[in-house]
């Protein structure tokens, strides 16, 4: 029974931390758009042109590149 002296305050402390995290997430807008992600997953945007600043490849072309190609492009050494 002596262990309850430690367990009850520890449980209350952890509960307050969880409640604080929940209120922080409400304040920071984590729950503002509940339907957006559910609707975005249903759209097929693989064939859309890339957005500004993404280069000239489409998303499908970028997904088809292998990791070796991407690594080669990242560490390309110009030869003169």
C-alpha atoms as a PDB file:
ATOM      1  CA  UNK A   1       0.000   0.000   0.000  1.00  0.00           C
ATOM      2  CA  UNK A   2       2.937   2.330   0.435  1.00  0.00           C
ATOM      3  CA  UNK A   3       3.516   2.260  -3.315  1.00  0.00           C
ATOM      4  CA  UNK A   4       0.225   4.124  -3.867  1.00  0.00           C
ATOM      5  CA  UNK A   5       1.889   7.222  -2.420  1.00  0.00           C
ATOM      6  CA  UNK A   6       4.094   7.253  -5.519  1.00  0.00           C
ATOM      7  CA  UNK A   7       1.714   5.837  -8.130  1.00  0.00           C
ATOM      8  CA  UNK A   8      -1.210   8.244  -7.634  1.00  0.00           C
ATOM      9  CA  UNK A   9       0.856  11.447  -8.074  1.00  0.00           C
ATOM     10  CA  UNK A  10       2.705   9.869 -11.001  1.00  0.00           C
ATOM     11  CA  UNK A  11      -0.611   8.992 -12.690  1.00  0.00           C
ATOM     12  CA  UNK A  12      -1.966  12.494 -12.079  1.00  0.00           C
ATOM     13  CA  UNK A  13       1.222  14.043 -13.445  1.00  0.00           C
ATOM     14  CA  UNK A  14       1.121  11.921 -16.614  1.00  0.00           C
ATOM     15  CA  UNK A  15      -2.566  12.728 -17.049  1.00  0.00           C
ATOM     16  CA  UNK A  16      -1.845  16.450 -16.814  1.00  0.00           C
ATOM     17  CA  UNK A  17       0.936  16.108 -19.388  1.00  0.00           C
ATOM     18  CA  UNK A  18      -1.477  14.346 -21.758  1.00  0.00           C
ATOM     19  CA  UNK A  19      -4.164  16.961 -21.184  1.00  0.00           C
ATOM     20  CA  UNK A  20      -1.634  19.733 -21.801  1.00  0.00           C
ATOM     21  CA  UNK A  21      -0.517  18.070 -25.050  1.00  0.00           C
ATOM     22  CA  UNK A  22      -4.140  17.794 -26.178  1.00  0.00           C
ATOM     23  CA  UNK A  23      -4.858  21.467 -25.503  1.00  0.00           C
ATOM     24  CA  UNK A  24      -1.602  22.438 -27.234  1.00  0.00           C
ATOM     25  CA  UNK A  25      -2.651  20.472 -30.319  1.00  0.00           C
ATOM     26  CA  UNK A  26      -6.029  22.213 -30.314  1.00  0.00           C
ATOM     27  CA  UNK A  27      -4.356  25.604 -30.028  1.00  0.00           C
ATOM     28  CA  UNK A  28      -1.835  24.900 -32.797  1.00  0.00           C
ATOM     29  CA  UNK A  29      -4.524  23.830 -35.289  1.00  0.00           C
ATOM     30  CA  UNK A  30      -3.876  20.104 -35.514  1.00  0.00           C
ATOM     31  CA  UNK A  31      -7.607  19.391 -35.749  1.00  0.00           C
ATOM     32  CA  UNK A  32      -8.645  22.242 -38.070  1.00  0.00           C
ATOM     33  CA  UNK A  33      -8.951  20.247 -41.312  1.00  0.00           C
ATOM     34  CA  UNK A  34     -10.206  16.751 -40.480  1.00  0.00           C
ATOM     35  CA  UNK A  35     -11.630  16.007 -43.935  1.00  0.00           C
ATOM     36  CA  UNK A  36      -8.785  17.399 -46.059  1.00  0.00           C
ATOM     37  CA  UNK A  37      -6.431  14.419 -45.742  1.00  0.00           C
ATOM     38  CA  UNK A  38      -9.286  11.966 -46.237  1.00  0.00           C
ATOM     39  CA  UNK A  39     -10.276  13.684 -49.476  1.00  0.00           C
ATOM     40  CA  UNK A  40      -6.712  14.202 -50.751  1.00  0.00           C
ATOM     41  CA  UNK A  41      -5.999  10.492 -50.640  1.00  0.00           C
ATOM     42  CA  UNK A  42      -8.852   9.899 -53.091  1.00  0.00           C
ATOM     43  CA  UNK A  43      -7.585  12.268 -55.780  1.00  0.00           C
ATOM     44  CA  UNK A  44      -5.270  11.011 -58.485  1.00  0.00           C
ATOM     45  CA  UNK A  45      -2.705  13.744 -59.017  1.00  0.00           C
ATOM     46  CA  UNK A  46       0.059  11.635 -60.561  1.00  0.00           C
ATOM     47  CA  UNK A  47      -0.620  12.990 -64.056  1.00  0.00           C
ATOM     48  CA  UNK A  48      -0.843  16.643 -63.047  1.00  0.00           C
ATOM     49  CA  UNK A  49       1.959  18.935 -64.133  1.00  0.00           C
ATOM     50  CA  UNK A  50       4.433  19.696 -61.372  1.00  0.00           C
ATOM     51  CA  UNK A  51       3.939  22.712 -59.205  1.00  0.00           C
ATOM     52  CA  UNK A  52       6.182  25.769 -59.256  1.00  0.00           C
ATOM     53  CA  UNK A  53       9.766  25.140 -58.233  1.00  0.00           C
ATOM     54  CA  UNK A  54       9.652  21.347 -58.612  1.00  0.00           C
ATOM     55  CA  UNK A  55      11.641  21.071 -61.836  1.00  0.00           C
ATOM     56  CA  UNK A  56      10.464  19.763 -65.173  1.00  0.00           C
ATOM     57  CA  UNK A  57       9.665  16.162 -64.222  1.00  0.00           C
ATOM     58  CA  UNK A  58       6.201  15.034 -63.281  1.00  0.00           C
ATOM     59  CA  UNK A  59       5.529  13.176 -60.069  1.00  0.00           C
ATOM     60  CA  UNK A  60       5.221   9.898 -61.894  1.00  0.00           C
ATOM     61  CA  UNK A  61       8.602  10.393 -63.609  1.00  0.00           C
ATOM     62  CA  UNK A  62      10.206  11.274 -60.286  1.00  0.00           C
ATOM     63  CA  UNK A  63       8.766   8.149 -58.660  1.00  0.00           C
ATOM     64  CA  UNK A  64      10.112   5.967 -61.471  1.00  0.00           C
ATOM     65  CA  UNK A  65      13.687   7.134 -60.963  1.00  0.00           C
ATOM     66  CA  UNK A  66      15.785   4.720 -58.997  1.00  0.00           C
ATOM     67  CA  UNK A  67      17.634   5.721 -55.872  1.00  0.00           C
ATOM     68  CA  UNK A  68      20.926   5.315 -57.733  1.00  0.00           C
ATOM     69  CA  UNK A  69      19.837   7.932 -60.269  1.00  0.00           C
ATOM     70  CA  UNK A  70      18.856  10.342 -57.511  1.00  0.00           C
ATOM     71  CA  UNK A  71      22.120   9.781 -55.658  1.00  0.00           C
ATOM     72  CA  UNK A  72      24.084  10.306 -58.869  1.00  0.00           C
ATOM     73  CA  UNK A  73      22.285  13.598 -59.524  1.00  0.00           C
ATOM     74  CA  UNK A  74      22.898  14.780 -55.961  1.00  0.00           C
ATOM     75  CA  UNK A  75      26.660  14.156 -56.156  1.00  0.00           C
ATOM     76  CA  UNK A  76      27.335  14.942 -59.792  1.00  0.00           C
ATOM     77  CA  UNK A  77      30.921  15.985 -60.454  1.00  0.00           C
ATOM     78  CA  UNK A  78      31.394  18.181 -63.513  1.00  0.00           C
ATOM     79  CA  UNK A  79      34.030  16.877 -65.908  1.00  0.00           C
ATOM     80  CA  UNK A  80      35.965  19.411 -68.003  1.00  0.00           C
END
